[in-house]
PDB file of N, CA and C in Angstrom:
ATOM      1  N   MET A   1      56.446 102.542  43.750  1.00  0.00           N
ATOM      2  CA  MET A   1      57.572 103.057  43.008  1.00  0.00           C
ATOM      3  C   MET A   1      58.654 103.541  43.945  1.00  0.00           C
ATOM      4  N   ALA A   2      58.274 104.252  45.080  1.00  0.00           N
ATOM      5  CA  ALA A   2      59.283 104.703  46.009  1.00  0.00           C
ATOM      6  C   ALA A   2      60.050 103.515  46.644  1.00  0.00           C
ATOM      7  N   ALA A   3      59.398 102.412  46.950  1.00  0.00           N
ATOM      8  CA  ALA A   3      60.117 101.270  47.508  1.00  0.00           C
ATOM      9  C   ALA A   3      61.136 100.793  46.542  1.00  0.00           C
ATOM     10  N   LYS A   4      60.803 100.683  45.264  1.00  0.00           N
ATOM     11  CA  LYS A   4      61.838 100.147  44.289  1.00  0.00           C
ATOM     12  C   LYS A   4      62.987 101.119  44.189  1.00  0.00           C
ATOM     13  N   LYS A   5      62.688 102.476  44.219  1.00  0.00           N
ATOM     14  CA  LYS A   5      63.876 103.440  44.138  1.00  0.00           C
ATOM     15  C   LYS A   5      64.702 103.267  45.347  1.00  0.00           C
ATOM     16  N   SER A   6      64.075 103.092  46.544  1.00  0.00           N
ATOM     17  CA  SER A   6      64.828 102.855  47.746  1.00  0.00           C
ATOM     18  C   SER A   6      65.706 101.669  47.680  1.00  0.00           C
ATOM     19  N   GLU A   7      65.201 100.574  47.135  1.00  0.00           N
ATOM     20  CA  GLU A   7      66.013  99.319  46.984  1.00  0.00           C
ATOM     21  C   GLU A   7      67.168  99.545  46.086  1.00  0.00           C
ATOM     22  N   VAL A   8      66.947 100.261  44.953  1.00  0.00           N
ATOM     23  CA  VAL A   8      68.054 100.553  44.027  1.00  0.00           C
ATOM     24  C   VAL A   8      69.110 101.377  44.677  1.00  0.00           C
ATOM     25  N   LEU A   9      68.742 102.457  45.453  1.00  0.00           N
ATOM     26  CA  LEU A   9      69.654 103.241  46.117  1.00  0.00           C
ATOM     27  C   LEU A   9      70.507 102.468  47.221  1.00  0.00           C
ATOM     28  N   GLN A  10      69.773 101.591  47.938  1.00  0.00           N
ATOM     29  CA  GLN A  10      70.489 100.686  48.942  1.00  0.00           C
ATOM     30  C   GLN A  10      71.425  99.815  48.184  1.00  0.00           C
ATOM     31  N   GLY A  11      70.944  99.201  47.077  1.00  0.00           N
ATOM     32  CA  GLY A  11      71.908  98.342  46.364  1.00  0.00           C
ATOM     33  C   GLY A  11      73.043  98.992  45.792  1.00  0.00           C
ATOM     34  N   THR A  12      72.903 100.205  45.309  1.00  0.00           N
ATOM     35  CA  THR A  12      73.923 101.051  44.790  1.00  0.00           C
ATOM     36  C   THR A  12      75.048 101.303  45.966  1.00  0.00           C
ATOM     37  N   LEU A  13      74.496 101.715  47.079  1.00  0.00           N
ATOM     38  CA  LEU A  13      75.408 102.065  48.250  1.00  0.00           C
ATOM     39  C   LEU A  13      76.130 100.758  48.661  1.00  0.00           C
ATOM     40  N   ASP A  14      75.371  99.650  48.748  1.00  0.00           N
ATOM     41  CA  ASP A  14      76.017  98.391  49.114  1.00  0.00           C
ATOM     42  C   ASP A  14      77.132  98.005  48.216  1.00  0.00           C
ATOM     43  N   LEU A  15      76.919  98.165  46.821  1.00  0.00           N
ATOM     44  CA  LEU A  15      77.920  97.887  45.837  1.00  0.00           C
ATOM     45  C   LEU A  15      79.117  98.778  46.070  1.00  0.00           C
ATOM     46  N   MET A  16      78.908 100.105  46.276  1.00  0.00           N
ATOM     47  CA  MET A  16      80.029 100.983  46.539  1.00  0.00           C
ATOM     48  C   MET A  16      80.861 100.620  47.726  1.00  0.00           C
ATOM     49  N   VAL A  17      80.183 100.191  48.844  1.00  0.00           N
ATOM     50  CA  VAL A  17      80.813  99.756  50.020  1.00  0.00           C
ATOM     51  C   VAL A  17      81.672  98.506  49.762  1.00  0.00           C
ATOM     52  N   LEU A  18      81.078  97.587  49.084  1.00  0.00           N
ATOM     53  CA  LEU A  18      81.813  96.335  48.797  1.00  0.00           C
ATOM     54  C   LEU A  18      82.991  96.563  47.886  1.00  0.00           C
ATOM     55  N   LYS A  19      82.864  97.440  46.930  1.00  0.00           N
ATOM     56  CA  LYS A  19      83.954  97.807  46.007  1.00  0.00           C
ATOM     57  C   LYS A  19      85.122  98.450  46.804  1.00  0.00           C
ATOM     58  N   THR A  20      84.665  99.360  47.703  1.00  0.00           N
ATOM     59  CA  THR A  20      85.752 100.021  48.572  1.00  0.00           C
ATOM     60  C   THR A  20      86.429  99.072  49.391  1.00  0.00           C
ATOM     61  N   LEU A  21      85.726  98.130  50.136  1.00  0.00           N
ATOM     62  CA  LEU A  21      86.368  97.154  50.869  1.00  0.00           C
ATOM     63  C   LEU A  21      87.285  96.182  50.125  1.00  0.00           C
ATOM     64  N   HIS A  22      86.817  95.808  48.909  1.00  0.00           N
ATOM     65  CA  HIS A  22      87.564  94.968  48.049  1.00  0.00           C
ATOM     66  C   HIS A  22      88.824  95.587  47.616  1.00  0.00           C
ATOM     67  N   GLY A  23      88.861  96.843  47.343  1.00  0.00           N
ATOM     68  CA  GLY A  23      90.057  97.536  46.893  1.00  0.00           C
ATOM     69  C   GLY A  23      90.971  97.896  47.970  1.00  0.00           C
ATOM     70  N   LEU A  24      90.500  98.204  49.164  1.00  0.00           N
ATOM     71  CA  LEU A  24      91.291  98.711  50.252  1.00  0.00           C
ATOM     72  C   LEU A  24      91.542  97.782  51.439  1.00  0.00           C
ATOM     73  N   GLY A  25      90.679  96.746  51.489  1.00  0.00           N
ATOM     74  CA  GLY A  25      90.733  95.861  52.640  1.00  0.00           C
ATOM     75  C   GLY A  25      89.974  96.398  53.790  1.00  0.00           C
ATOM     76  N   PRO A  26      90.215  95.947  55.000  1.00  0.00           N
ATOM     77  CA  PRO A  26      89.485  96.256  56.222  1.00  0.00           C
ATOM     78  C   PRO A  26      89.384  97.767  56.492  1.00  0.00           C
ATOM     79  N   LEU A  27      88.204  98.259  56.680  1.00  0.00           N
ATOM     80  CA  LEU A  27      88.045  99.685  56.969  1.00  0.00           C
ATOM     81  C   LEU A  27      86.816  99.876  57.873  1.00  0.00           C
ATOM     82  N   HIS A  28      86.774 100.958  58.579  1.00  0.00           N
ATOM     83  CA  HIS A  28      85.620 101.247  59.363  1.00  0.00           C
ATOM     84  C   HIS A  28      84.670 102.220  58.633  1.00  0.00           C
ATOM     85  N   GLY A  29      83.476 102.379  59.040  1.00  0.00           N
ATOM     86  CA  GLY A  29      82.443 103.113  58.286  1.00  0.00           C
ATOM     87  C   GLY A  29      82.866 104.505  57.914  1.00  0.00           C
ATOM     88  N   PHE A  30      83.609 105.179  58.786  1.00  0.00           N
ATOM     89  CA  PHE A  30      84.026 106.590  58.535  1.00  0.00           C
ATOM     90  C   PHE A  30      85.029 106.542  57.340  1.00  0.00           C
ATOM     91  N   GLY A  31      85.973 105.630  57.320  1.00  0.00           N
ATOM     92  CA  GLY A  31      86.906 105.520  56.219  1.00  0.00           C
ATOM     93  C   GLY A  31      86.270 105.160  55.016  1.00  0.00           C
ATOM     94  N   ILE A  32      85.308 104.307  55.014  1.00  0.00           N
ATOM     95  CA  ILE A  32      84.547 103.968  53.769  1.00  0.00           C
ATOM     96  C   ILE A  32      83.811 105.198  53.209  1.00  0.00           C
ATOM     97  N   ALA A  33      83.217 105.948  54.115  1.00  0.00           N
ATOM     98  CA  ALA A  33      82.379 107.130  53.701  1.00  0.00           C
ATOM     99  C   ALA A  33      83.476 108.168  53.023  1.00  0.00           C
ATOM    100  N   ARG A  34      84.528 108.447  53.712  1.00  0.00           N
ATOM    101  CA  ARG A  34      85.502 109.430  53.134  1.00  0.00           C
ATOM    102  C   ARG A  34      86.069 108.874  51.795  1.00  0.00           C
ATOM    103  N   ARG A  35      86.349 107.601  51.707  1.00  0.00           N
ATOM    104  CA  ARG A  35      86.830 107.048  50.389  1.00  0.00           C
ATOM    105  C   ARG A  35      85.871 107.219  49.252  1.00  0.00           C
ATOM    106  N   ILE A  36      84.584 107.021  49.482  1.00  0.00           N
ATOM    107  CA  ILE A  36      83.585 107.114  48.466  1.00  0.00           C
ATOM    108  C   ILE A  36      83.518 108.593  48.054  1.00  0.00           C
ATOM    109  N   GLU A  37      83.504 109.485  49.083  1.00  0.00           N
ATOM    110  CA  GLU A  37      83.472 110.947  48.760  1.00  0.00           C
ATOM    111  C   GLU A  37      84.678 111.346  47.948  1.00  0.00           C
ATOM    112  N   GLN A  38      85.837 110.796  48.296  1.00  0.00           N
ATOM    113  CA  GLN A  38      87.057 111.096  47.551  1.00  0.00           C
ATOM    114  C   GLN A  38      86.988 110.627  46.120  1.00  0.00           C
ATOM    115  N   LEU A  39      86.554 109.430  45.940  1.00  0.00           N
ATOM    116  CA  LEU A  39      86.473 108.891  44.566  1.00  0.00           C
ATOM    117  C   LEU A  39      85.428 109.598  43.729  1.00  0.00           C
ATOM    118  N   SER A  40      84.387 110.089  44.339  1.00  0.00           N
ATOM    119  CA  SER A  40      83.347 110.789  43.595  1.00  0.00           C
ATOM    120  C   SER A  40      83.646 112.343  43.477  1.00  0.00           C
ATOM    121  N   GLU A  41      84.844 112.661  43.918  1.00  0.00           N
ATOM    122  CA  GLU A  41      85.306 114.120  43.911  1.00  0.00           C
ATOM    123  C   GLU A  41      84.276 114.951  44.642  1.00  0.00           C
ATOM    124  N   ASN A  42      83.833 114.401  45.724  1.00  0.00           N
ATOM    125  CA  ASN A  42      82.827 115.085  46.599  1.00  0.00           C
ATOM    126  C   ASN A  42      81.481 115.359  45.982  1.00  0.00           C
ATOM    127  N   VAL A  43      81.188 114.652  44.919  1.00  0.00           N
ATOM    128  CA  VAL A  43      79.728 114.740  44.366  1.00  0.00           C
ATOM    129  C   VAL A  43      78.859 114.047  45.331  1.00  0.00           C
ATOM    130  N   LEU A  44      79.322 112.926  45.809  1.00  0.00           N
ATOM    131  CA  LEU A  44      78.544 112.179  46.913  1.00  0.00           C
ATOM    132  C   LEU A  44      79.031 112.615  48.273  1.00  0.00           C
ATOM    133  N   GLN A  45      78.160 113.019  49.094  1.00  0.00           N
ATOM    134  CA  GLN A  45      78.438 113.281  50.523  1.00  0.00           C
ATOM    135  C   GLN A  45      77.818 112.230  51.366  1.00  0.00           C
ATOM    136  N   MET A  46      78.727 111.440  51.947  1.00  0.00           N
ATOM    137  CA  MET A  46      78.258 110.206  52.704  1.00  0.00           C
ATOM    138  C   MET A  46      78.069 110.503  54.229  1.00  0.00           C
ATOM    139  N   ASN A  47      76.970 110.096  54.776  1.00  0.00           N
ATOM    140  CA  ASN A  47      76.709 110.122  56.150  1.00  0.00           C
ATOM    141  C   ASN A  47      77.143 108.812  56.780  1.00  0.00           C
ATOM    142  N   GLU A  48      77.966 108.802  57.839  1.00  0.00           N
ATOM    143  CA  GLU A  48      78.399 107.540  58.362  1.00  0.00           C
ATOM    144  C   GLU A  48      77.305 106.653  58.807  1.00  0.00           C
ATOM    145  N   GLY A  49      76.197 107.239  59.303  1.00  0.00           N
ATOM    146  CA  GLY A  49      75.004 106.403  59.710  1.00  0.00           C
ATOM    147  C   GLY A  49      74.513 105.577  58.536  1.00  0.00           C
ATOM    148  N   THR A  50      74.474 106.183  57.315  1.00  0.00           N
ATOM    149  CA  THR A  50      74.036 105.414  56.177  1.00  0.00           C
ATOM    150  C   THR A  50      74.991 104.368  55.793  1.00  0.00           C
ATOM    151  N   VAL A  51      76.225 104.654  55.922  1.00  0.00           N
ATOM    152  CA  VAL A  51      77.292 103.591  55.600  1.00  0.00           C
ATOM    153  C   VAL A  51      77.188 102.451  56.665  1.00  0.00           C
ATOM    154  N   TYR A  52      76.991 102.812  57.935  1.00  0.00           N
ATOM    155  CA  TYR A  52      76.890 101.682  58.885  1.00  0.00           C
ATOM    156  C   TYR A  52      75.556 100.858  58.705  1.00  0.00           C
ATOM    157  N   THR A  53      74.553 101.453  58.230  1.00  0.00           N
ATOM    158  CA  THR A  53      73.325 100.689  57.876  1.00  0.00           C
ATOM    159  C   THR A  53      73.654  99.746  56.733  1.00  0.00           C
ATOM    160  N   SER A  54      74.381 100.168  55.710  1.00  0.00           N
ATOM    161  CA  SER A  54      74.781  99.344  54.686  1.00  0.00           C
ATOM    162  C   SER A  54      75.703  98.212  55.152  1.00  0.00           C
ATOM    163  N   LEU A  55      76.586  98.504  56.056  1.00  0.00           N
ATOM    164  CA  LEU A  55      77.547  97.494  56.555  1.00  0.00           C
ATOM    165  C   LEU A  55      76.705  96.427  57.393  1.00  0.00           C
ATOM    166  N   LEU A  56      75.792  96.884  58.108  1.00  0.00           N
ATOM    167  CA  LEU A  56      74.904  95.949  58.889  1.00  0.00           C
ATOM    168  C   LEU A  56      74.073  95.014  57.957  1.00  0.00           C
ATOM    169  N   ARG A  57      73.542  95.631  56.884  1.00  0.00           N
ATOM    170  CA  ARG A  57      72.766  94.862  55.884  1.00  0.00           C
ATOM    171  C   ARG A  57      73.641  93.834  55.194  1.00  0.00           C
ATOM    172  N   LEU A  58      74.883  94.282  54.798  1.00  0.00           N
ATOM    173  CA  LEU A  58      75.789  93.363  54.170  1.00  0.00           C
ATOM    174  C   LEU A  58      76.296  92.226  55.127  1.00  0.00           C
ATOM    175  N   GLN A  59      76.474  92.553  56.392  1.00  0.00           N
ATOM    176  CA  GLN A  59      76.909  91.596  57.318  1.00  0.00           C
ATOM    177  C   GLN A  59      75.812  90.539  57.529  1.00  0.00           C
ATOM    178  N   GLN A  60      74.584  91.005  57.649  1.00  0.00           N
ATOM    179  CA  GLN A  60      73.398  90.112  57.911  1.00  0.00           C
ATOM    180  C   GLN A  60      73.192  89.120  56.631  1.00  0.00           C
ATOM    181  N   ARG A  61      73.640  89.650  55.494  1.00  0.00           N
ATOM    182  CA  ARG A  61      73.474  88.840  54.285  1.00  0.00           C
ATOM    183  C   ARG A  61      74.686  87.944  53.996  1.00  0.00           C
ATOM    184  N   GLY A  62      75.702  88.081  54.859  1.00  0.00           N
ATOM    185  CA  GLY A  62      76.871  87.297  54.688  1.00  0.00           C
ATOM    186  C   GLY A  62      77.903  87.827  53.650  1.00  0.00           C
ATOM    187  N   GLY A  63      77.717  89.015  53.233  1.00  0.00           N
ATOM    188  CA  GLY A  63      78.646  89.659  52.280  1.00  0.00           C
ATOM    189  C   GLY A  63      79.960  90.081  52.813  1.00  0.00           C
ATOM    190  N   ILE A  64      79.927  90.459  54.122  1.00  0.00           N
ATOM    191  CA  ILE A  64      81.105  90.907  54.759  1.00  0.00           C
ATOM    192  C   ILE A  64      81.238  90.247  56.221  1.00  0.00           C
ATOM    193  N   THR A  65      82.309  90.380  56.724  1.00  0.00           N
ATOM    194  CA  THR A  65      82.532  90.004  58.225  1.00  0.00           C
ATOM    195  C   THR A  65      82.909  91.298  58.965  1.00  0.00           C
ATOM    196  N   ALA A  66      82.678  91.340  60.195  1.00  0.00           N
ATOM    197  CA  ALA A  66      83.019  92.489  60.925  1.00  0.00           C
ATOM    198  C   ALA A  66      83.524  92.159  62.333  1.00  0.00           C
ATOM    199  N   ARG A  67      84.364  93.017  62.864  1.00  0.00           N
ATOM    200  CA  ARG A  67      84.980  92.786  64.155  1.00  0.00           C
ATOM    201  C   ARG A  67      85.260  94.139  64.779  1.00  0.00           C
ATOM    202  N   TRP A  68      85.348  94.127  66.062  1.00  0.00           N
ATOM    203  CA  TRP A  68      85.691  95.371  66.839  1.00  0.00           C
ATOM    204  C   TRP A  68      87.133  95.338  67.111  1.00  0.00           C
ATOM    205  N   GLY A  69      87.737  96.557  66.990  1.00  0.00           N
ATOM    206  CA  GLY A  69      89.137  96.633  67.292  1.00  0.00           C
ATOM    207  C   GLY A  69      89.509  98.002  67.952  1.00  0.00           C
ATOM    208  N   VAL A  70      90.732  98.173  68.271  1.00  0.00           N
ATOM    209  CA  VAL A  70      91.176  99.374  68.932  1.00  0.00           C
ATOM    210  C   VAL A  70      92.222 100.043  68.016  1.00  0.00           C
ATOM    211  N   SER A  71      92.092 101.352  67.919  1.00  0.00           N
ATOM    212  CA  SER A  71      93.001 102.075  67.118  1.00  0.00           C
ATOM    213  C   SER A  71      93.643 103.227  67.906  1.00  0.00           C
ATOM    214  N   GLU A  72      94.549 103.977  67.326  1.00  0.00           N
ATOM    215  CA  GLU A  72      95.243 105.064  68.068  1.00  0.00           C
ATOM    216  C   GLU A  72      94.270 106.214  68.463  1.00  0.00           C
ATOM    217  N   ARG A  73      93.201 106.450  67.623  1.00  0.00           N
ATOM    218  CA  ARG A  73      92.349 107.510  67.788  1.00  0.00           C
ATOM    219  C   ARG A  73      91.010 107.204  68.511  1.00  0.00           C
ATOM    220  N   THR A  74      90.610 105.956  68.394  1.00  0.00           N
ATOM    221  CA  THR A  74      89.332 105.575  69.106  1.00  0.00           C
ATOM    222  C   THR A  74      89.476 104.330  69.894  1.00  0.00           C
ATOM    223  N   ILE A  75      88.626 104.113  70.854  1.00  0.00           N
ATOM    224  CA  ILE A  75      88.702 103.059  71.728  1.00  0.00           C
ATOM    225  C   ILE A  75      88.172 101.779  70.958  1.00  0.00           C
ATOM    226  N   ALA A  76      87.130 101.898  70.235  1.00  0.00           N
ATOM    227  CA  ALA A  76      86.605 100.775  69.475  1.00  0.00           C
ATOM    228  C   ALA A  76      86.012 101.217  68.112  1.00  0.00           C
ATOM    229  N   LYS A  77      86.187 100.469  67.149  1.00  0.00           N
ATOM    230  CA  LYS A  77      85.580 100.750  65.784  1.00  0.00           C
ATOM    231  C   LYS A  77      85.272  99.467  65.067  1.00  0.00           C
ATOM    232  N   GLN A  78      84.280  99.512  64.147  1.00  0.00           N
ATOM    233  CA  GLN A  78      83.928  98.314  63.459  1.00  0.00           C
ATOM    234  C   GLN A  78      84.772  98.243  62.183  1.00  0.00           C
ATOM    235  N   SER A  79      85.484  97.193  62.008  1.00  0.00           N
ATOM    236  CA  SER A  79      86.229  96.936  60.749  1.00  0.00           C
ATOM    237  C   SER A  79      85.524  95.841  59.958  1.00  0.00           C
ATOM    238  N   SER A  80      85.492  96.017  58.648  1.00  0.00           N
ATOM    239  CA  SER A  80      84.752  95.091  57.862  1.00  0.00           C
ATOM    240  C   SER A  80      85.607  94.621  56.742  1.00  0.00           C
ATOM    241  N   THR A  81      85.451  93.344  56.302  1.00  0.00           N
ATOM    242  CA  THR A  81      86.172  92.871  55.165  1.00  0.00           C
ATOM    243  C   THR A  81      85.209  92.016  54.369  1.00  0.00           C
ATOM    244  N   PRO A  82      85.349  91.981  53.031  1.00  0.00           N
ATOM    245  CA  PRO A  82      84.524  91.104  52.186  1.00  0.00           C
ATOM    246  C   PRO A  82      84.813  89.658  52.590  1.00  0.00           C
ATOM    247  N   SER A  83      83.806  88.805  52.643  1.00  0.00           N
ATOM    248  CA  SER A  83      84.030  87.457  52.867  1.00  0.00           C
ATOM    249  C   SER A  83      83.955  86.677  51.499  1.00  0.00           C
ATOM    250  N   LEU A  84      84.862  86.953  50.725  1.00  0.00           N
ATOM    251  CA  LEU A  84      84.972  86.387  49.378  1.00  0.00           C
ATOM    252  C   LEU A  84      85.906  85.193  49.464  1.00  0.00           C
ATOM    253  N   SER A  85      85.493  84.137  48.818  1.00  0.00           N
ATOM    254  CA  SER A  85      86.288  82.920  48.787  1.00  0.00           C
ATOM    255  C   SER A  85      87.246  82.970  47.611  1.00  0.00           C
ATOM    256  N   ALA A  86      88.451  82.560  47.804  1.00  0.00           N
ATOM    257  CA  ALA A  86      89.424  82.583  46.728  1.00  0.00           C
ATOM    258  C   ALA A  86      89.116  81.370  45.810  1.00  0.00           C
ATOM    259  N   GLY A  87      89.166  81.651  44.540  1.00  0.00           N
ATOM    260  CA  GLY A  87      88.926  80.485  43.687  1.00  0.00           C
ATOM    261  C   GLY A  87      87.910  80.920  42.672  1.00  0.00           C
TER     262      GLY A  87
END
């Protein structure tokens, strides 16, 4: 029973991550976590490590693509976008 609950929670997080990326475009894990917290009015408190695990799982399954980039605040961060085909 615990394994099925864990799979449901992972699936729910993956769906929230995909929905966030679909709505906002490329983001890094920290931005995704903050956006989910904002939309839930802080009912959900997201740990970036959990979000990065979800991003890795989605990337391995081909649901998103990821790349490393440089921003004003950090030397490198992972940006992810849904790999959805138009049509």
